[in-house]
Amino acid sequence: MTNSSRVGSRLSKALRQQQKISTACITTRQLGTVSSSLSSSSIGQQQQKTDFKALLSRPTWSVRSLLPPTTSSSEPSSTTISPSQLTHLHSLSALPNPTTPSTLESLTRTLQSQLHFVRAIQAVDTTGVAPLSAIRDETAAGRREQTVTLDQLAEVLQSERPIGRAGRPRRLKATAATTNVAEAGLVSRDGEPGWDVLGTAKRRAGQYFVVKSSSAKQET
């Protein structure tokens, strides 16, 4: 009986292990099927062409959201403009004052909507935002493009020589070709002749054009 019980326990263990292996195989197959279906669906979505016309035809934001609603009859007290203030603004701008009540009402309504827009912009939290010092490309690529390197200054540095005990750099005199270009009134860029500045001058003396004054000024 002991041997038979041992054999039975071993058989039951073997059956349980076989069931676990079969369950793991079925789960792996199911996961593979799900992943393949997901990959095929994602590829199908990528292959579909994006309808940009339909995408751009539905705006998600408008500047009108920063303007007061047109249906409201009463304006907030902070944006109310009196006729005297409007007249004062016209005098500061050297503009003629409105002559009709309809024109005055239209200008007042327009100015109130503009003030509402400005106050909406001023209400934006700019804590920690550095002020804009200039309108320029401040990305990494833009800074690299605007950076002046030694390679760009090589030609200028080659035309300088240290002179004196302190070795201060002094630019050498212009070459004969550059002098001839300058005397002819041509703008030289990179050593090549450019635009003839004095080409349209009727009279010129060297690098300058001559302007003839009137006889009345000559008599005085």
Protein backbone atom coordinates (compact mmCIF):
# COMPACT_ATOMS: atom_id res chain seq x y z
CA MET A 1 0.00 0.00 0.00
CA THR A 2 2.83 2.32 0.71
CA ASN A 3 4.35 1.86 -2.73
CA SER A 4 1.02 2.37 -4.44
CA SER A 5 0.42 5.58 -2.50
CA ARG A 6 3.84 6.87 -3.49
CA VAL A 7 3.18 6.06 -7.14
CA GLY A 8 -0.19 7.78 -6.97
CA SER A 9 1.29 10.93 -5.44
CA ARG A 10 4.00 11.04 -8.11
CA LEU A 11 1.40 10.62 -10.85
CA SER A 12 -0.72 13.41 -9.40
CA LYS A 13 2.34 15.70 -9.26
CA ALA A 14 3.20 14.90 -12.86
CA LEU A 15 -0.37 15.62 -13.94
CA ARG A 16 -0.36 18.98 -12.12
CA GLN A 17 2.94 19.97 -13.76
CA GLN A 18 1.60 18.99 -17.16
CA GLN A 19 -1.52 21.09 -16.57
CA LYS A 20 0.64 24.09 -15.60
CA ILE A 21 2.74 23.71 -18.75
CA SER A 22 -0.32 23.48 -20.97
CA THR A 23 -1.88 26.53 -19.28
CA ALA A 24 1.33 28.54 -19.79
CA CYS A 25 1.41 27.56 -23.47
CA ILE A 26 -2.20 28.64 -23.95
CA THR A 27 -1.53 32.00 -22.22
CA THR A 28 1.54 32.62 -24.41
CA ARG A 29 -0.45 31.91 -27.54
CA GLN A 30 -3.21 34.27 -26.43
CA LEU A 31 -0.71 37.05 -25.70
CA GLY A 32 0.90 36.55 -29.09
CA THR A 33 -2.49 36.78 -30.79
CA VAL A 34 -3.40 39.97 -28.91
CA SER A 35 -0.03 41.62 -29.64
CA SER A 36 -0.24 40.73 -33.32
CA SER A 37 -3.75 42.15 -33.55
CA LEU A 38 -2.67 45.36 -31.79
CA SER A 39 0.35 45.78 -34.06
CA SER A 40 -1.75 45.20 -37.17
CA SER A 41 -4.37 47.72 -36.01
CA SER A 42 -1.70 50.36 -35.22
CA ILE A 43 -0.10 49.85 -38.62
CA GLY A 44 -3.50 50.18 -40.26
CA GLN A 45 -4.13 53.44 -38.40
CA GLN A 46 -0.75 54.83 -39.45
CA GLN A 47 -1.43 53.92 -43.04
CA GLN A 48 -4.65 55.91 -43.04
CA LYS A 49 -4.13 59.37 -44.50
CA THR A 50 -4.78 62.31 -42.20
CA ASP A 51 -7.51 64.61 -43.45
CA PHE A 52 -5.88 67.98 -42.71
CA LYS A 53 -8.79 69.90 -44.23
CA ALA A 54 -11.22 68.35 -41.77
CA LEU A 55 -8.71 68.79 -38.95
CA LEU A 56 -8.22 72.51 -39.60
CA SER A 57 -11.92 73.16 -40.20
CA ARG A 58 -12.68 72.67 -36.50
CA PRO A 59 -10.98 75.44 -34.48
CA THR A 60 -10.11 74.58 -30.91
CA TRP A 61 -9.48 78.13 -29.71
CA SER A 62 -10.29 81.65 -30.86
CA VAL A 63 -9.11 85.08 -29.83
CA ARG A 64 -12.76 85.96 -29.32
CA SER A 65 -12.63 84.02 -26.06
CA LEU A 66 -10.59 86.91 -24.65
CA LEU A 67 -13.19 89.48 -25.72
CA PRO A 68 -16.34 90.29 -23.75
CA PRO A 69 -19.53 88.56 -24.91
CA THR A 70 -21.48 90.56 -27.45
CA THR A 71 -24.81 89.65 -25.87
CA SER A 72 -24.07 91.35 -22.55
CA SER A 73 -25.68 94.77 -22.36
CA SER A 74 -23.85 95.98 -19.25
CA GLU A 75 -20.07 96.29 -19.13
CA PRO A 76 -18.02 95.84 -15.94
CA SER A 77 -17.17 98.98 -14.06
CA SER A 78 -13.44 98.41 -14.60
CA THR A 79 -13.84 98.75 -18.39
CA THR A 80 -16.34 101.62 -18.46
CA ILE A 81 -15.05 104.65 -20.36
CA SER A 82 -16.64 108.04 -19.90
CA PRO A 83 -17.06 110.52 -22.79
CA SER A 84 -14.55 112.85 -21.13
CA GLN A 85 -11.92 110.10 -21.07
CA LEU A 86 -12.56 109.33 -24.72
CA THR A 87 -12.23 113.02 -25.60
CA HIS A 88 -8.98 113.20 -23.65
CA LEU A 89 -7.61 110.18 -25.51
CA HIS A 90 -8.51 111.80 -28.84
CA SER A 91 -6.72 114.99 -27.86
CA LEU A 92 -3.61 113.06 -26.81
CA SER A 93 -3.63 111.24 -30.16
CA ALA A 94 -4.27 114.46 -32.12
CA LEU A 95 -7.47 112.94 -33.53
CA PRO A 96 -10.76 114.74 -34.16
CA ASN A 97 -13.45 114.11 -31.57
CA PRO A 98 -16.54 112.15 -32.61
CA THR A 99 -19.32 114.42 -33.79
CA THR A 100 -22.33 112.10 -33.58
CA PRO A 101 -23.63 110.02 -30.65
CA SER A 102 -23.53 106.85 -32.75
CA THR A 103 -19.84 107.34 -33.52
CA LEU A 104 -19.14 108.04 -29.85
CA GLU A 105 -20.97 104.87 -28.80
CA SER A 106 -19.17 102.76 -31.41
CA LEU A 107 -15.75 104.04 -30.39
CA THR A 108 -16.53 103.51 -26.71
CA ARG A 109 -17.67 99.93 -27.32
CA THR A 110 -14.55 99.17 -29.38
CA LEU A 111 -12.22 100.63 -26.77
CA GLN A 112 -13.95 98.70 -23.98
CA SER A 113 -13.50 95.41 -25.83
CA GLN A 114 -9.83 96.22 -26.41
CA LEU A 115 -9.34 96.99 -22.71
CA HIS A 116 -11.02 93.69 -21.84
CA PHE A 117 -8.58 91.91 -24.15
CA VAL A 118 -5.56 93.69 -22.63
CA ARG A 119 -6.66 92.87 -19.08
CA ALA A 120 -7.09 89.22 -20.04
CA ILE A 121 -3.50 89.19 -21.28
CA GLN A 122 -2.28 90.96 -18.13
CA ALA A 123 -4.01 88.38 -15.95
CA VAL A 124 -1.71 85.61 -17.20
CA ASP A 125 0.64 84.36 -14.47
CA THR A 126 4.20 85.06 -15.63
CA THR A 127 5.95 84.04 -12.43
CA GLY A 128 9.37 82.62 -13.25
CA VAL A 129 9.19 83.62 -16.92
CA ALA A 130 12.16 85.69 -18.09
CA PRO A 131 11.19 88.88 -19.94
CA LEU A 132 11.72 88.94 -23.69
CA SER A 133 14.77 91.06 -24.43
CA ALA A 134 14.60 90.71 -28.21
CA ILE A 135 12.59 88.99 -30.92
CA ARG A 136 14.98 86.32 -32.08
CA ASP A 137 15.41 82.59 -32.34
CA GLU A 138 16.48 81.53 -28.85
CA THR A 139 16.59 77.80 -29.56
CA ALA A 140 19.87 75.90 -29.41
CA ALA A 141 20.11 75.81 -33.21
CA GLY A 142 19.37 79.53 -33.46
CA ARG A 143 22.05 80.41 -30.91
CA ARG A 144 24.61 78.31 -32.74
CA GLU A 145 23.75 80.08 -35.98
CA GLN A 146 24.07 83.54 -34.40
CA THR A 147 27.30 82.78 -32.54
CA VAL A 148 30.39 84.44 -34.00
CA THR A 149 33.23 81.95 -34.19
CA LEU A 150 36.97 82.35 -34.70
CA ASP A 151 36.66 80.88 -38.17
CA GLN A 152 34.45 83.79 -39.17
CA LEU A 153 36.95 86.28 -37.73
CA ALA A 154 40.00 84.58 -39.22
CA GLU A 155 40.23 86.98 -42.17
CA VAL A 156 39.98 90.03 -39.92
CA LEU A 157 42.52 88.68 -37.44
CA GLN A 158 44.97 87.92 -40.23
CA SER A 159 44.96 91.59 -41.25
CA GLU A 160 46.14 92.64 -37.76
CA ARG A 161 49.67 92.64 -36.41
CA PRO A 162 50.96 93.31 -32.88
CA ILE A 163 52.80 96.63 -32.79
CA GLY A 164 54.80 98.25 -30.01
CA ARG A 165 56.13 97.02 -26.71
CA ALA A 166 52.64 96.20 -25.44
CA GLY A 167 51.87 94.25 -28.61
CA ARG A 168 48.60 95.99 -29.30
CA PRO A 169 46.93 94.72 -32.47
CA ARG A 170 46.85 97.16 -35.36
CA ARG A 171 45.11 96.57 -38.65
CA LEU A 172 47.37 96.69 -41.66
CA LYS A 173 46.83 99.14 -44.45
CA ALA A 174 44.48 98.19 -47.24
CA THR A 175 45.91 96.45 -50.25
CA ALA A 176 46.16 98.08 -53.64
CA ALA A 177 43.11 96.20 -54.96
CA THR A 178 40.97 97.32 -52.03
CA THR A 179 42.19 100.89 -52.43
CA ASN A 180 41.28 100.93 -56.11
CA VAL A 181 37.82 99.59 -55.35
CA ALA A 182 37.30 102.25 -52.68
CA GLU A 183 38.48 105.04 -54.96
CA ALA A 184 36.09 103.85 -57.67
CA GLY A 185 33.17 104.15 -55.24
CA LEU A 186 32.43 100.42 -55.07
CA VAL A 187 31.38 98.65 -51.91
CA SER A 188 33.75 95.73 -51.37
CA ARG A 189 32.51 92.57 -49.70
CA ASP A 190 34.90 89.69 -49.07
CA GLY A 191 37.43 91.36 -51.37
CA GLU A 192 35.07 91.39 -54.37
CA PRO A 193 33.60 94.51 -55.98
CA GLY A 194 29.98 95.13 -55.12
CA TRP A 195 27.43 97.92 -55.52
CA ASP A 196 28.61 101.13 -57.21
CA VAL A 197 27.56 103.73 -54.65
CA LEU A 198 28.58 106.71 -56.81
CA GLY A 199 27.31 105.24 -60.07
CA THR A 200 24.29 107.58 -60.29
CA ALA A 201 26.16 110.73 -59.23
CA LYS A 202 26.47 113.34 -62.00
CA ARG A 203 29.54 114.92 -60.45
CA ARG A 204 31.99 113.38 -58.05
CA ALA A 205 35.41 114.05 -56.63
CA GLY A 206 37.29 110.94 -55.60
CA GLN A 207 35.14 109.01 -53.12
CA TYR A 208 32.57 111.81 -52.77
CA PHE A 209 29.73 113.11 -54.93
CA VAL A 210 29.44 116.85 -55.56
CA VAL A 211 26.21 118.77 -54.92
CA LYS A 212 25.80 122.12 -56.65
CA SER A 213 24.12 124.71 -54.49
CA SER A 214 21.67 127.30 -55.82
CA SER A 215 22.78 130.74 -56.91
CA ALA A 216 20.76 132.40 -54.15
CA LYS A 217 22.68 130.53 -51.48
CA GLN A 218 25.97 131.35 -53.19
CA GLU A 219 25.15 135.07 -53.13
CA THR A 220 24.39 134.97 -49.43
